[in-house]
Amino acid sequence: LHLSSGRELRFVDARRFGRLRLHRPAESQEEFQGPGREPLTIPVTDFAALFRRRRTSIKAALLNQSLLHGVGNIYADESLFRAGIRPTRMAARLSRERLARLHSSLQSVLREAIRLGGSSVSDYVDADGAAGFFQLEHRVYMRTGEPCLVCQTPIRRTVIGGRGTHYCPLCQS
């Protein structure tokens, strides 16, 4: 899209999950004020409350953009691993302590991923065309059959909500 300023706006979505819509400024404000929360700023008590009545797996709940904005498949898997929570666990049944651990691990994973420029697992590059390096820190994502870096148990893969899900059957309960 060529802008009147002479600049260009480019939308690159190799995985085809995204979308781009143009709005007038007044319309844009309403569009982004949905019910979902920002995972890097949500307080732990509010984070835990999001899952209190969710009768779905914690993995599916993390990917629900009406609850939390921008948590993708990679970062959900990695956060759940670091929190020691199996992705198939029912969200509503997790204790406050486990949800607090998940809150901390999610924020840590997201901050680390941002610092490293994201995960370039196929053809992902940032706006400047640079690859990310968080994929070098993956502990479970796309490591099916490889030994867990903590306990050496082979990493497993299942499908939750139509998304490939990677976890350690021993470290995550």
N, C-alpha and C. Protein backbone atom coordinates (compact mmCIF):
# COMPACT_ATOMS: atom_id res chain seq x y z
N LEU A 1 0.86 -1.16 0.00
CA LEU A 1 0.00 0.00 0.00
C LEU A 1 0.91 1.23 0.00
N HIS A 2 0.73 2.09 -0.96
CA HIS A 2 1.52 3.33 -1.04
C HIS A 2 0.78 4.43 -0.29
N LEU A 3 1.44 5.03 0.67
CA LEU A 3 0.84 6.08 1.48
C LEU A 3 1.14 7.45 0.88
N SER A 4 0.32 8.42 1.22
CA SER A 4 0.49 9.77 0.68
C SER A 4 1.82 10.39 1.09
N SER A 5 2.42 9.88 2.16
CA SER A 5 3.72 10.39 2.61
C SER A 5 4.87 9.88 1.75
N GLY A 6 4.55 8.97 0.82
CA GLY A 6 5.59 8.36 0.00
C GLY A 6 6.11 7.05 0.57
N ARG A 7 5.70 6.73 1.78
CA ARG A 7 6.12 5.48 2.41
C ARG A 7 5.21 4.35 1.95
N GLU A 8 5.63 3.12 2.23
CA GLU A 8 4.84 1.95 1.88
C GLU A 8 4.47 1.19 3.15
N LEU A 9 3.30 0.59 3.11
CA LEU A 9 2.88 -0.33 4.16
C LEU A 9 2.81 -1.70 3.52
N ARG A 10 3.57 -2.64 4.07
CA ARG A 10 3.58 -4.00 3.53
C ARG A 10 3.09 -4.97 4.60
N PHE A 11 2.31 -5.91 4.16
CA PHE A 11 1.77 -6.94 5.06
C PHE A 11 2.30 -8.29 4.58
N VAL A 12 3.15 -8.90 5.38
CA VAL A 12 3.72 -10.20 5.04
C VAL A 12 3.20 -11.20 6.06
N ASP A 13 2.48 -12.20 5.59
CA ASP A 13 1.88 -13.19 6.48
C ASP A 13 2.06 -14.57 5.87
N ALA A 14 3.26 -15.09 5.96
CA ALA A 14 3.60 -16.37 5.33
C ALA A 14 2.71 -17.51 5.81
N ARG A 15 2.28 -17.48 7.06
CA ARG A 15 1.49 -18.58 7.60
C ARG A 15 0.00 -18.38 7.40
N ARG A 16 -0.40 -17.20 6.95
CA ARG A 16 -1.78 -16.88 6.60
C ARG A 16 -2.75 -16.93 7.77
N PHE A 17 -2.29 -16.56 8.96
CA PHE A 17 -3.17 -16.46 10.12
C PHE A 17 -3.65 -15.02 10.34
N GLY A 18 -2.94 -14.07 9.79
CA GLY A 18 -3.23 -12.66 10.05
C GLY A 18 -4.23 -12.07 9.09
N ARG A 19 -4.58 -10.83 9.35
CA ARG A 19 -5.44 -10.09 8.44
C ARG A 19 -5.15 -8.61 8.62
N LEU A 20 -5.46 -7.87 7.60
CA LEU A 20 -5.22 -6.43 7.61
C LEU A 20 -6.51 -5.76 7.18
N ARG A 21 -6.95 -4.81 7.99
CA ARG A 21 -8.14 -4.03 7.65
C ARG A 21 -7.81 -2.56 7.79
N LEU A 22 -8.31 -1.77 6.89
CA LEU A 22 -8.12 -0.33 6.95
C LEU A 22 -9.36 0.31 7.54
N HIS A 23 -9.15 1.23 8.48
CA HIS A 23 -10.24 1.95 9.15
C HIS A 23 -9.90 3.42 9.21
N ARG A 24 -10.93 4.19 9.34
CA ARG A 24 -10.71 5.60 9.68
C ARG A 24 -10.27 5.64 11.15
N PRO A 25 -9.53 6.65 11.57
CA PRO A 25 -9.01 6.68 12.95
C PRO A 25 -10.08 6.47 14.02
N ALA A 26 -11.24 7.07 13.90
CA ALA A 26 -12.29 6.92 14.91
C ALA A 26 -12.78 5.48 14.99
N GLU A 27 -12.84 4.79 13.87
CA GLU A 27 -13.29 3.40 13.85
C GLU A 27 -12.24 2.47 14.44
N SER A 28 -10.99 2.79 14.24
CA SER A 28 -9.90 1.93 14.71
C SER A 28 -9.89 1.76 16.21
N GLN A 29 -10.24 2.81 16.92
CA GLN A 29 -10.23 2.77 18.38
C GLN A 29 -11.12 1.66 18.90
N GLU A 30 -12.33 1.55 18.37
CA GLU A 30 -13.27 0.52 18.83
C GLU A 30 -12.79 -0.88 18.48
N GLU A 31 -12.18 -1.02 17.32
CA GLU A 31 -11.74 -2.33 16.84
C GLU A 31 -10.77 -3.01 17.79
N PHE A 32 -9.90 -2.24 18.42
CA PHE A 32 -8.86 -2.83 19.25
C PHE A 32 -9.18 -2.82 20.74
N GLN A 33 -10.40 -2.49 21.09
CA GLN A 33 -10.77 -2.49 22.50
C GLN A 33 -11.65 -3.70 22.82
N GLY A 34 -11.24 -4.86 22.34
CA GLY A 34 -11.96 -6.08 22.62
C GLY A 34 -11.72 -6.52 24.05
N PRO A 35 -12.30 -7.65 24.43
CA PRO A 35 -12.20 -8.11 25.81
C PRO A 35 -10.84 -8.70 26.18
N GLY A 36 -10.03 -9.06 25.20
CA GLY A 36 -8.74 -9.68 25.50
C GLY A 36 -7.80 -8.75 26.23
N ARG A 37 -6.90 -9.32 27.01
CA ARG A 37 -5.95 -8.55 27.81
C ARG A 37 -4.55 -8.69 27.23
N GLU A 38 -3.71 -7.73 27.54
CA GLU A 38 -2.31 -7.74 27.12
C GLU A 38 -1.52 -8.62 28.10
N PRO A 39 -0.91 -9.71 27.64
CA PRO A 39 -0.25 -10.65 28.56
C PRO A 39 0.96 -10.08 29.30
N LEU A 40 1.59 -9.06 28.77
CA LEU A 40 2.77 -8.51 29.44
C LEU A 40 2.44 -7.53 30.55
N THR A 41 1.19 -7.08 30.62
CA THR A 41 0.84 -6.09 31.65
C THR A 41 -0.29 -6.54 32.57
N ILE A 42 -0.93 -7.65 32.28
CA ILE A 42 -2.05 -8.10 33.12
C ILE A 42 -1.53 -8.53 34.50
N PRO A 43 -2.15 -8.04 35.56
CA PRO A 43 -1.77 -8.49 36.91
C PRO A 43 -2.08 -9.97 37.10
N VAL A 44 -1.33 -10.63 37.95
CA VAL A 44 -1.49 -12.07 38.15
C VAL A 44 -2.89 -12.44 38.62
N THR A 45 -3.52 -11.61 39.46
CA THR A 45 -4.87 -11.93 39.93
C THR A 45 -5.88 -11.89 38.78
N ASP A 46 -5.74 -10.92 37.90
CA ASP A 46 -6.63 -10.84 36.73
C ASP A 46 -6.36 -11.99 35.77
N PHE A 47 -5.09 -12.35 35.62
CA PHE A 47 -4.70 -13.46 34.75
C PHE A 47 -5.36 -14.75 35.24
N ALA A 48 -5.25 -15.03 36.52
CA ALA A 48 -5.85 -16.24 37.09
C ALA A 48 -7.36 -16.24 36.92
N ALA A 49 -7.98 -15.08 37.07
CA ALA A 49 -9.44 -14.98 36.94
C ALA A 49 -9.92 -15.31 35.53
N LEU A 50 -9.09 -15.08 34.53
CA LEU A 50 -9.48 -15.38 33.15
C LEU A 50 -9.81 -16.86 32.96
N PHE A 51 -9.16 -17.71 33.73
CA PHE A 51 -9.28 -19.15 33.52
C PHE A 51 -10.20 -19.85 34.51
N ARG A 52 -10.73 -19.11 35.46
CA ARG A 52 -11.50 -19.69 36.56
C ARG A 52 -12.67 -20.56 36.09
N ARG A 53 -13.38 -20.13 35.05
CA ARG A 53 -14.56 -20.88 34.60
C ARG A 53 -14.39 -21.47 33.19
N ARG A 54 -13.17 -21.55 32.72
CA ARG A 54 -12.93 -22.06 31.37
C ARG A 54 -12.93 -23.58 31.37
N ARG A 55 -13.89 -24.16 30.68
CA ARG A 55 -13.99 -25.62 30.58
C ARG A 55 -13.33 -26.09 29.29
N THR A 56 -12.09 -25.72 29.17
CA THR A 56 -11.29 -26.09 28.01
C THR A 56 -9.86 -26.31 28.49
N SER A 57 -9.04 -26.85 27.64
CA SER A 57 -7.64 -27.06 28.04
C SER A 57 -6.96 -25.72 28.24
N ILE A 58 -5.94 -25.71 29.06
CA ILE A 58 -5.20 -24.47 29.30
C ILE A 58 -4.53 -24.01 28.02
N LYS A 59 -4.09 -24.93 27.17
CA LYS A 59 -3.48 -24.54 25.89
C LYS A 59 -4.49 -23.80 25.02
N ALA A 60 -5.70 -24.35 24.88
CA ALA A 60 -6.72 -23.69 24.07
C ALA A 60 -7.08 -22.33 24.66
N ALA A 61 -7.14 -22.25 25.98
CA ALA A 61 -7.47 -20.97 26.63
C ALA A 61 -6.38 -19.93 26.37
N LEU A 62 -5.12 -20.33 26.42
CA LEU A 62 -4.02 -19.39 26.15
C LEU A 62 -4.08 -18.85 24.72
N LEU A 63 -4.53 -19.67 23.79
CA LEU A 63 -4.61 -19.25 22.39
C LEU A 63 -5.86 -18.45 22.08
N ASN A 64 -6.79 -18.38 23.03
CA ASN A 64 -8.05 -17.66 22.83
C ASN A 64 -7.77 -16.15 22.89
N GLN A 65 -7.82 -15.51 21.75
CA GLN A 65 -7.47 -14.09 21.66
C GLN A 65 -8.48 -13.18 22.36
N SER A 66 -9.66 -13.69 22.68
CA SER A 66 -10.62 -12.88 23.44
C SER A 66 -10.25 -12.85 24.92
N LEU A 67 -9.33 -13.73 25.34
CA LEU A 67 -8.83 -13.72 26.72
C LEU A 67 -7.51 -12.95 26.80
N LEU A 68 -6.56 -13.36 25.99
CA LEU A 68 -5.23 -12.74 25.96
C LEU A 68 -4.86 -12.45 24.51
N HIS A 69 -4.40 -11.25 24.26
CA HIS A 69 -4.01 -10.86 22.90
C HIS A 69 -2.61 -11.35 22.57
N GLY A 70 -2.46 -11.94 21.39
CA GLY A 70 -1.14 -12.18 20.83
C GLY A 70 -0.36 -13.37 21.33
N VAL A 71 -0.95 -14.24 22.14
CA VAL A 71 -0.23 -15.45 22.57
C VAL A 71 -0.39 -16.47 21.45
N GLY A 72 0.70 -16.82 20.80
CA GLY A 72 0.66 -17.78 19.71
C GLY A 72 1.06 -19.17 20.16
N ASN A 73 1.02 -20.09 19.22
CA ASN A 73 1.25 -21.50 19.49
C ASN A 73 2.62 -21.77 20.12
N ILE A 74 3.65 -21.19 19.54
CA ILE A 74 5.01 -21.41 20.05
C ILE A 74 5.11 -20.96 21.51
N TYR A 75 4.63 -19.76 21.77
CA TYR A 75 4.81 -19.16 23.09
C TYR A 75 3.90 -19.82 24.13
N ALA A 76 2.76 -20.34 23.71
CA ALA A 76 1.91 -21.11 24.63
C ALA A 76 2.63 -22.40 25.04
N ASP A 77 3.16 -23.14 24.05
CA ASP A 77 3.87 -24.39 24.37
C ASP A 77 5.07 -24.14 25.28
N GLU A 78 5.86 -23.14 24.95
CA GLU A 78 7.07 -22.87 25.73
C GLU A 78 6.73 -22.39 27.15
N SER A 79 5.70 -21.58 27.28
CA SER A 79 5.29 -21.09 28.61
C SER A 79 4.76 -22.22 29.47
N LEU A 80 3.95 -23.08 28.89
CA LEU A 80 3.41 -24.21 29.64
C LEU A 80 4.53 -25.14 30.10
N PHE A 81 5.52 -25.36 29.24
CA PHE A 81 6.65 -26.20 29.64
C PHE A 81 7.38 -25.58 30.83
N ARG A 82 7.70 -24.31 30.72
CA ARG A 82 8.46 -23.65 31.79
C ARG A 82 7.68 -23.58 33.09
N ALA A 83 6.35 -23.59 32.99
CA ALA A 83 5.51 -23.58 34.20
C ALA A 83 5.25 -24.99 34.72
N GLY A 84 5.64 -26.01 33.95
CA GLY A 84 5.42 -27.40 34.37
C GLY A 84 3.98 -27.85 34.28
N ILE A 85 3.22 -27.25 33.36
CA ILE A 85 1.79 -27.56 33.22
C ILE A 85 1.54 -28.28 31.91
N ARG A 86 0.89 -29.43 31.98
CA ARG A 86 0.55 -30.17 30.77
C ARG A 86 -0.51 -29.40 29.99
N PRO A 87 -0.36 -29.24 28.69
CA PRO A 87 -1.28 -28.42 27.90
C PRO A 87 -2.72 -28.94 27.86
N THR A 88 -2.92 -30.23 28.15
CA THR A 88 -4.26 -30.80 28.14
C THR A 88 -5.04 -30.56 29.42
N ARG A 89 -4.39 -30.04 30.46
CA ARG A 89 -5.07 -29.78 31.74
C ARG A 89 -6.21 -28.80 31.54
N MET A 90 -7.30 -29.05 32.24
CA MET A 90 -8.45 -28.14 32.18
C MET A 90 -8.08 -26.84 32.87
N ALA A 91 -8.32 -25.74 32.19
CA ALA A 91 -7.95 -24.42 32.71
C ALA A 91 -8.60 -24.15 34.06
N ALA A 92 -9.88 -24.46 34.19
CA ALA A 92 -10.62 -24.15 35.41
C ALA A 92 -10.12 -24.94 36.62
N ARG A 93 -9.40 -26.02 36.40
CA ARG A 93 -8.94 -26.86 37.50
C ARG A 93 -7.54 -26.52 37.99
N LEU A 94 -6.90 -25.57 37.37
CA LEU A 94 -5.54 -25.21 37.80
C LEU A 94 -5.59 -24.35 39.06
N SER A 95 -4.71 -24.64 39.98
CA SER A 95 -4.64 -23.88 41.24
C SER A 95 -4.12 -22.47 40.97
N ARG A 96 -4.35 -21.60 41.94
CA ARG A 96 -3.82 -20.23 41.83
C ARG A 96 -2.31 -20.24 41.73
N GLU A 97 -1.68 -21.15 42.45
CA GLU A 97 -0.22 -21.24 42.43
C GLU A 97 0.29 -21.61 41.04
N ARG A 98 -0.37 -22.59 40.42
CA ARG A 98 0.06 -23.00 39.07
C ARG A 98 -0.22 -21.91 38.05
N LEU A 99 -1.34 -21.20 38.22
CA LEU A 99 -1.63 -20.09 37.31
C LEU A 99 -0.65 -18.94 37.51
N ALA A 100 -0.23 -18.71 38.74
CA ALA A 100 0.78 -17.68 39.01
C ALA A 100 2.10 -18.06 38.34
N ARG A 101 2.45 -19.33 38.40
CA ARG A 101 3.67 -19.81 37.74
C ARG A 101 3.56 -19.65 36.22
N LEU A 102 2.37 -19.94 35.67
CA LEU A 102 2.14 -19.77 34.24
C LEU A 102 2.22 -18.30 33.84
N HIS A 103 1.63 -17.43 34.65
CA HIS A 103 1.69 -15.99 34.40
C HIS A 103 3.14 -15.54 34.30
N SER A 104 3.95 -15.96 35.24
CA SER A 104 5.36 -15.59 35.26
C SER A 104 6.10 -16.15 34.05
N SER A 105 5.87 -17.42 33.74
CA SER A 105 6.58 -18.04 32.61
C SER A 105 6.14 -17.44 31.28
N LEU A 106 4.86 -17.13 31.14
CA LEU A 106 4.37 -16.52 29.90
C LEU A 106 5.03 -15.16 29.68
N GLN A 107 5.06 -14.35 30.72
CA GLN A 107 5.69 -13.04 30.59
C GLN A 107 7.19 -13.17 30.30
N SER A 108 7.84 -14.10 30.94
CA SER A 108 9.27 -14.32 30.72
C SER A 108 9.54 -14.78 29.28
N VAL A 109 8.76 -15.73 28.81
CA VAL A 109 8.92 -16.24 27.44
C VAL A 109 8.68 -15.12 26.43
N LEU A 110 7.62 -14.36 26.61
CA LEU A 110 7.31 -13.29 25.66
C LEU A 110 8.40 -12.22 25.65
N ARG A 111 8.89 -11.84 26.81
CA ARG A 111 9.96 -10.83 26.86
C ARG A 111 11.24 -11.34 26.19
N GLU A 112 11.55 -12.60 26.44
CA GLU A 112 12.74 -13.19 25.82
C GLU A 112 12.58 -13.28 24.31
N ALA A 113 11.39 -13.68 23.86
CA ALA A 113 11.13 -13.78 22.42
C ALA A 113 11.22 -12.41 21.75
N ILE A 114 10.69 -11.40 22.39
CA ILE A 114 10.77 -10.03 21.85
C ILE A 114 12.23 -9.60 21.75
N ARG A 115 12.97 -9.85 22.82
CA ARG A 115 14.39 -9.46 22.84
C ARG A 115 15.18 -10.15 21.73
N LEU A 116 14.81 -11.40 21.42
CA LEU A 116 15.53 -12.18 20.41
C LEU A 116 14.91 -12.07 19.01
N GLY A 117 13.90 -11.23 18.85
CA GLY A 117 13.33 -10.99 17.52
C GLY A 117 12.35 -12.03 17.04
N GLY A 118 11.77 -12.81 17.96
CA GLY A 118 10.78 -13.81 17.58
C GLY A 118 11.42 -15.14 17.21
N SER A 119 10.59 -16.03 16.66
CA SER A 119 11.04 -17.37 16.28
C SER A 119 10.97 -17.52 14.77
N SER A 120 12.09 -17.72 14.13
CA SER A 120 12.12 -17.95 12.68
C SER A 120 12.17 -19.45 12.45
N VAL A 121 10.99 -20.09 12.47
CA VAL A 121 10.93 -21.54 12.30
C VAL A 121 10.70 -21.95 10.85
N SER A 122 10.23 -21.07 10.02
CA SER A 122 10.14 -21.37 8.59
C SER A 122 10.69 -20.17 7.85
N ASP A 123 9.82 -19.27 7.43
CA ASP A 123 10.31 -18.12 6.68
C ASP A 123 9.99 -16.81 7.38
N TYR A 124 9.79 -16.85 8.70
CA TYR A 124 9.49 -15.62 9.44
C TYR A 124 10.69 -14.69 9.47
N VAL A 125 10.44 -13.43 9.15
CA VAL A 125 11.42 -12.36 9.34
C VAL A 125 10.67 -11.16 9.89
N ASP A 126 11.39 -10.26 10.52
CA ASP A 126 10.75 -9.06 11.07
C ASP A 126 10.56 -8.01 9.97
N ALA A 127 10.10 -6.84 10.35
CA ALA A 127 9.80 -5.79 9.38
C ALA A 127 11.03 -5.35 8.59
N ASP A 128 12.21 -5.55 9.15
CA ASP A 128 13.45 -5.18 8.46
C ASP A 128 14.05 -6.35 7.68
N GLY A 129 13.36 -7.49 7.67
CA GLY A 129 13.85 -8.65 6.95
C GLY A 129 14.82 -9.51 7.73
N ALA A 130 14.98 -9.23 9.02
CA ALA A 130 15.91 -10.00 9.85
C ALA A 130 15.20 -11.19 10.51
N ALA A 131 15.90 -12.30 10.57
CA ALA A 131 15.36 -13.48 11.23
C ALA A 131 15.42 -13.31 12.74
N GLY A 132 14.51 -13.98 13.44
CA GLY A 132 14.55 -14.00 14.89
C GLY A 132 15.42 -15.14 15.37
N PHE A 133 15.68 -15.16 16.68
CA PHE A 133 16.55 -16.18 17.24
C PHE A 133 15.94 -16.92 18.43
N PHE A 134 14.66 -16.68 18.74
CA PHE A 134 14.07 -17.36 19.89
C PHE A 134 13.96 -18.87 19.65
N GLN A 135 13.91 -19.30 18.39
CA GLN A 135 13.82 -20.73 18.10
C GLN A 135 15.02 -21.49 18.68
N LEU A 136 16.11 -20.81 18.91
CA LEU A 136 17.28 -21.45 19.53
C LEU A 136 17.05 -21.73 21.01
N GLU A 137 16.01 -21.12 21.57
CA GLU A 137 15.67 -21.30 22.99
C GLU A 137 14.49 -22.24 23.19
N HIS A 138 13.91 -22.77 22.10
CA HIS A 138 12.76 -23.66 22.24
C HIS A 138 13.15 -24.90 23.05
N ARG A 139 12.34 -25.20 24.03
CA ARG A 139 12.59 -26.38 24.86
C ARG A 139 11.67 -27.54 24.48
N VAL A 140 10.49 -27.22 23.90
CA VAL A 140 9.58 -28.28 23.47
C VAL A 140 9.05 -28.08 22.05
N TYR A 141 8.83 -26.85 21.65
CA TYR A 141 8.18 -26.59 20.36
C TYR A 141 9.02 -27.16 19.20
N MET A 142 8.37 -27.99 18.36
CA MET A 142 8.98 -28.63 17.19
C MET A 142 10.15 -29.55 17.56
N ARG A 143 10.12 -30.11 18.77
CA ARG A 143 11.18 -31.02 19.20
C ARG A 143 10.63 -32.43 19.45
N THR A 144 9.55 -32.79 18.74
CA THR A 144 8.91 -34.09 18.91
C THR A 144 9.94 -35.22 18.78
N GLY A 145 9.92 -36.12 19.78
CA GLY A 145 10.81 -37.27 19.77
C GLY A 145 12.20 -37.00 20.31
N GLU A 146 12.59 -35.75 20.40
CA GLU A 146 13.90 -35.41 20.95
C GLU A 146 13.85 -35.47 22.47
N PRO A 147 14.99 -35.71 23.12
CA PRO A 147 14.97 -35.78 24.59
C PRO A 147 14.70 -34.41 25.22
N CYS A 148 13.90 -34.44 26.27
CA CYS A 148 13.64 -33.23 27.04
C CYS A 148 14.98 -32.73 27.57
N LEU A 149 15.16 -31.43 27.53
CA LEU A 149 16.42 -30.83 27.98
C LEU A 149 16.59 -30.91 29.50
N VAL A 150 15.49 -31.23 30.21
CA VAL A 150 15.55 -31.34 31.67
C VAL A 150 15.67 -32.78 32.12
N CYS A 151 14.82 -33.67 31.57
CA CYS A 151 14.74 -35.05 32.10
C CYS A 151 15.09 -36.14 31.08
N GLN A 152 15.32 -35.78 29.84
CA GLN A 152 15.68 -36.71 28.76
C GLN A 152 14.51 -37.55 28.23
N THR A 153 13.29 -37.38 28.76
CA THR A 153 12.12 -38.07 28.23
C THR A 153 11.81 -37.51 26.84
N PRO A 154 11.46 -38.35 25.87
CA PRO A 154 11.14 -37.83 24.53
C PRO A 154 9.95 -36.85 24.56
N ILE A 155 10.11 -35.74 23.86
CA ILE A 155 9.05 -34.74 23.74
C ILE A 155 7.93 -35.34 22.90
N ARG A 156 6.70 -35.12 23.32
CA ARG A 156 5.53 -35.62 22.60
C ARG A 156 4.81 -34.49 21.88
N ARG A 157 4.01 -34.90 20.89
CA ARG A 157 3.19 -33.96 20.14
C ARG A 157 1.77 -34.48 20.11
N THR A 158 0.82 -33.57 20.32
CA THR A 158 -0.59 -33.88 20.17
C THR A 158 -1.23 -32.68 19.49
N VAL A 159 -2.52 -32.76 19.23
CA VAL A 159 -3.24 -31.64 18.62
C VAL A 159 -4.30 -31.16 19.60
N ILE A 160 -4.29 -29.87 19.88
CA ILE A 160 -5.28 -29.25 20.76
C ILE A 160 -5.84 -28.05 20.01
N GLY A 161 -7.15 -28.03 19.84
CA GLY A 161 -7.78 -26.92 19.14
C GLY A 161 -7.25 -26.74 17.73
N GLY A 162 -6.91 -27.85 17.08
CA GLY A 162 -6.40 -27.79 15.72
C GLY A 162 -4.95 -27.35 15.60
N ARG A 163 -4.27 -27.20 16.71
CA ARG A 163 -2.88 -26.73 16.69
C ARG A 163 -1.95 -27.80 17.25
N GLY A 164 -0.84 -28.00 16.57
CA GLY A 164 0.18 -28.91 17.07
C GLY A 164 0.67 -28.43 18.42
N THR A 165 0.77 -29.35 19.37
CA THR A 165 1.12 -29.01 20.74
C THR A 165 2.25 -29.92 21.20
N HIS A 166 3.30 -29.33 21.72
CA HIS A 166 4.50 -30.07 22.11
C HIS A 166 4.69 -29.97 23.62
N TYR A 167 5.03 -31.10 24.25
CA TYR A 167 5.17 -31.10 25.71
C TYR A 167 6.03 -32.27 26.17
N CYS A 168 6.51 -32.17 27.40
CA CYS A 168 7.24 -33.27 28.03
C CYS A 168 6.28 -33.99 28.97
N PRO A 169 6.03 -35.28 28.75
CA PRO A 169 5.07 -36.00 29.59
C PRO A 169 5.53 -36.17 31.04
N LEU A 170 6.81 -36.00 31.32
CA LEU A 170 7.30 -36.14 32.69
C LEU A 170 7.38 -34.79 33.41
N CYS A 171 7.93 -33.80 32.77
CA CYS A 171 8.10 -32.48 33.41
C CYS A 171 6.79 -31.70 33.53
N GLN A 172 5.83 -32.01 32.68
CA GLN A 172 4.57 -31.27 32.69
C GLN A 172 3.45 -32.17 33.19
N SER A 173 2.82 -31.76 34.30
CA SER A 173 1.74 -32.57 34.87
C SER A 173 0.47 -31.75 35.02
